[in-house]
C-alpha atoms as a PDB file:
ATOM      1  CA  UNK A   1     -14.875  18.363  18.374  1.00  0.00           C
ATOM      2  CA  UNK A   2     -12.779  15.787  16.572  1.00  0.00           C
ATOM      3  CA  UNK A   3      -9.945  13.796  18.157  1.00  0.00           C
ATOM      4  CA  UNK A   4      -8.091  13.885  14.846  1.00  0.00           C
ATOM      5  CA  UNK A   5      -5.262  16.386  14.527  1.00  0.00           C
ATOM      6  CA  UNK A   6      -5.886  18.209  11.287  1.00  0.00           C
ATOM      7  CA  UNK A   7      -2.715  20.274  11.522  1.00  0.00           C
ATOM      8  CA  UNK A   8      -4.644  23.458  12.180  1.00  0.00           C
ATOM      9  CA  UNK A   9      -6.698  23.154   9.001  1.00  0.00           C
ATOM     10  CA  UNK A  10     -10.022  23.704  10.760  1.00  0.00           C
ATOM     11  CA  UNK A  11     -11.363  20.230   9.993  1.00  0.00           C
ATOM     12  CA  UNK A  12     -10.232  20.208   6.367  1.00  0.00           C
ATOM     13  CA  UNK A  13      -8.426  17.131   5.091  1.00  0.00           C
ATOM     14  CA  UNK A  14      -4.930  17.911   3.870  1.00  0.00           C
ATOM     15  CA  UNK A  15      -4.216  17.277   0.178  1.00  0.00           C
ATOM     16  CA  UNK A  16      -2.387  13.981  -0.297  1.00  0.00           C
ATOM     17  CA  UNK A  17      -3.874  12.512   2.882  1.00  0.00           C
ATOM     18  CA  UNK A  18      -5.154   8.943   2.704  1.00  0.00           C
ATOM     19  CA  UNK A  19      -8.458  10.368   3.891  1.00  0.00           C
ATOM     20  CA  UNK A  20      -8.687  12.723   0.903  1.00  0.00           C
ATOM     21  CA  UNK A  21      -9.940   9.807  -1.238  1.00  0.00           C
ATOM     22  CA  UNK A  22     -12.853   9.063   1.079  1.00  0.00           C
ATOM     23  CA  UNK A  23     -16.405  10.186   0.485  1.00  0.00           C
ATOM     24  CA  UNK A  24     -17.471  11.182   4.012  1.00  0.00           C
ATOM     25  CA  UNK A  25     -21.148  10.763   3.205  1.00  0.00           C
ATOM     26  CA  UNK A  26     -20.677   7.121   2.185  1.00  0.00           C
ATOM     27  CA  UNK A  27     -17.865   5.814   4.361  1.00  0.00           C
ATOM     28  CA  UNK A  28     -18.267   5.023   8.061  1.00  0.00           C
ATOM     29  CA  UNK A  29     -15.491   5.488  10.582  1.00  0.00           C
ATOM     30  CA  UNK A  30     -14.805   1.742  10.563  1.00  0.00           C
ATOM     31  CA  UNK A  31     -14.681   1.719   6.766  1.00  0.00           C
ATOM     32  CA  UNK A  32     -12.331   4.700   6.733  1.00  0.00           C
ATOM     33  CA  UNK A  33     -10.005   2.970   9.175  1.00  0.00           C
ATOM     34  CA  UNK A  34     -10.090  -0.272   7.176  1.00  0.00           C
ATOM     35  CA  UNK A  35      -9.325   1.673   4.003  1.00  0.00           C
ATOM     36  CA  UNK A  36      -6.413   3.464   5.666  1.00  0.00           C
ATOM     37  CA  UNK A  37      -4.978   0.145   6.894  1.00  0.00           C
ATOM     38  CA  UNK A  38      -5.375  -1.376   3.419  1.00  0.00           C
ATOM     39  CA  UNK A  39      -3.642   1.600   1.791  1.00  0.00           C
ATOM     40  CA  UNK A  40      -0.724   1.361   4.219  1.00  0.00           C
ATOM     41  CA  UNK A  41      -0.425  -2.377   3.549  1.00  0.00           C
ATOM     42  CA  UNK A  42      -0.383  -1.847  -0.196  1.00  0.00           C
ATOM     43  CA  UNK A  43       2.173   0.952   0.152  1.00  0.00           C
ATOM     44  CA  UNK A  44       4.365  -1.332   2.253  1.00  0.00           C
ATOM     45  CA  UNK A  45       4.280  -4.006  -0.462  1.00  0.00           C
ATOM     46  CA  UNK A  46       5.107  -1.447  -3.163  1.00  0.00           C
ATOM     47  CA  UNK A  47       7.934  -0.125  -1.015  1.00  0.00           C
ATOM     48  CA  UNK A  48       9.356  -3.583  -0.385  1.00  0.00           C
ATOM     49  CA  UNK A  49       9.299  -4.471  -4.096  1.00  0.00           C
ATOM     50  CA  UNK A  50      10.771  -1.085  -5.002  1.00  0.00           C
ATOM     51  CA  UNK A  51      13.609  -1.691  -2.563  1.00  0.00           C
ATOM     52  CA  UNK A  52      14.260  -5.150  -4.000  1.00  0.00           C
ATOM     53  CA  UNK A  53      14.235  -3.702  -7.501  1.00  0.00           C
ATOM     54  CA  UNK A  54      16.800  -1.055  -6.571  1.00  0.00           C
ATOM     55  CA  UNK A  55      18.923  -3.651  -4.813  1.00  0.00           C
ATOM     56  CA  UNK A  56      18.942  -5.944  -7.863  1.00  0.00           C
ATOM     57  CA  UNK A  57      19.610  -3.072 -10.278  1.00  0.00           C
ATOM     58  CA  UNK A  58      22.662  -2.024  -8.280  1.00  0.00           C
ATOM     59  CA  UNK A  59      23.934  -5.566  -7.867  1.00  0.00           C
ATOM     60  CA  UNK A  60      27.018  -6.915  -9.642  1.00  0.00           C
ATOM     61  CA  UNK A  61      25.086  -8.949 -12.251  1.00  0.00           C
ATOM     62  CA  UNK A  62      21.480  -7.754 -12.591  1.00  0.00           C
ATOM     63  CA  UNK A  63      19.330 -10.541 -13.984  1.00  0.00           C
ATOM     64  CA  UNK A  64      16.921  -9.178 -16.637  1.00  0.00           C
ATOM     65  CA  UNK A  65      14.223 -11.720 -15.741  1.00  0.00           C
ATOM     66  CA  UNK A  66      14.389 -10.789 -12.050  1.00  0.00           C
ATOM     67  CA  UNK A  67      14.305  -7.082 -12.885  1.00  0.00           C
ATOM     68  CA  UNK A  68      11.272  -7.624 -15.124  1.00  0.00           C
ATOM     69  CA  UNK A  69       9.462  -9.638 -12.458  1.00  0.00           C
ATOM     70  CA  UNK A  70      10.148  -7.048  -9.773  1.00  0.00           C
ATOM     71  CA  UNK A  71       9.096  -4.195 -12.076  1.00  0.00           C
ATOM     72  CA  UNK A  72       5.860  -6.051 -12.859  1.00  0.00           C
ATOM     73  CA  UNK A  73       5.223  -6.581  -9.143  1.00  0.00           C
ATOM     74  CA  UNK A  74       5.728  -2.863  -8.416  1.00  0.00           C
ATOM     75  CA  UNK A  75       3.330  -1.956 -11.224  1.00  0.00           C
ATOM     76  CA  UNK A  76       0.719  -4.552 -10.171  1.00  0.00           C
ATOM     77  CA  UNK A  77       0.613  -3.474  -6.535  1.00  0.00           C
ATOM     78  CA  UNK A  78       0.728   0.230  -7.464  1.00  0.00           C
ATOM     79  CA  UNK A  79      -2.286  -0.225  -9.749  1.00  0.00           C
ATOM     80  CA  UNK A  80      -4.137  -2.048  -7.011  1.00  0.00           C
ATOM     81  CA  UNK A  81      -3.413   0.850  -4.664  1.00  0.00           C
ATOM     82  CA  UNK A  82      -4.563   3.439  -7.209  1.00  0.00           C
ATOM     83  CA  UNK A  83      -7.824   1.627  -7.894  1.00  0.00           C
ATOM     84  CA  UNK A  84      -8.777   0.762  -4.326  1.00  0.00           C
ATOM     85  CA  UNK A  85     -12.214   2.213  -3.613  1.00  0.00           C
ATOM     86  CA  UNK A  86     -12.960   3.078   0.006  1.00  0.00           C
ATOM     87  CA  UNK A  87     -16.638   2.235  -0.570  1.00  0.00           C
ATOM     88  CA  UNK A  88     -15.879  -1.332  -1.673  1.00  0.00           C
ATOM     89  CA  UNK A  89     -15.593  -3.152   1.670  1.00  0.00           C
ATOM     90  CA  UNK A  90     -14.778  -6.492   0.019  1.00  0.00           C
ATOM     91  CA  UNK A  91     -11.937  -4.995  -2.023  1.00  0.00           C
ATOM     92  CA  UNK A  92     -10.609  -3.179   1.051  1.00  0.00           C
ATOM     93  CA  UNK A  93     -10.669  -6.389   3.121  1.00  0.00           C
ATOM     94  CA  UNK A  94      -9.027  -8.333   0.286  1.00  0.00           C
ATOM     95  CA  UNK A  95      -6.320  -5.667  -0.062  1.00  0.00           C
ATOM     96  CA  UNK A  96      -5.585  -5.888   3.669  1.00  0.00           C
ATOM     97  CA  UNK A  97      -5.341  -9.676   3.598  1.00  0.00           C
ATOM     98  CA  UNK A  98      -3.398  -9.909   0.354  1.00  0.00           C
ATOM     99  CA  UNK A  99      -0.866  -7.254   1.339  1.00  0.00           C
ATOM    100  CA  UNK A 100      -0.332  -8.894   4.741  1.00  0.00           C
ATOM    101  CA  UNK A 101       0.272 -12.261   3.035  1.00  0.00           C
ATOM    102  CA  UNK A 102       2.607 -10.710   0.462  1.00  0.00           C
ATOM    103  CA  UNK A 103       4.630  -8.875   3.110  1.00  0.00           C
ATOM    104  CA  UNK A 104       4.939 -12.070   5.157  1.00  0.00           C
ATOM    105  CA  UNK A 105       6.168 -13.949   2.077  1.00  0.00           C
ATOM    106  CA  UNK A 106       8.644 -11.196   1.220  1.00  0.00           C
ATOM    107  CA  UNK A 107       9.955 -11.154   4.790  1.00  0.00           C
ATOM    108  CA  UNK A 108      10.282 -14.954   4.828  1.00  0.00           C
ATOM    109  CA  UNK A 109      12.133 -14.847   1.523  1.00  0.00           C
ATOM    110  CA  UNK A 110      14.501 -12.198   2.908  1.00  0.00           C
ATOM    111  CA  UNK A 111      15.101 -14.286   6.028  1.00  0.00           C
ATOM    112  CA  UNK A 112      15.894 -17.360   3.937  1.00  0.00           C
ATOM    113  CA  UNK A 113      18.507 -15.399   1.958  1.00  0.00           C
ATOM    114  CA  UNK A 114      20.262 -14.133   5.088  1.00  0.00           C
END
């Protein structure tokens, strides 16, 4: 019996779940967890950049260069998320580390503006 709540799906993975992209025959439990953490980190970065983009768009004088840079950042991190392969342990580890660094930098930048 699994400790994972599958929402009454009888062990099936729900569509849209982070786990839906995993190949159970090739990914260990540790790899699946690392992949899930990496995906959440990448989503957090995308979300932070998306929020900044919306904030700048709605500001009194949106700067086109800032809007372009933020749009490029959203696209870059979204592509990285889309192409992350759960079987590539090095890419998963790099995604975890890079997203953690990026979030820390974004938080520091926000703190410096306050």
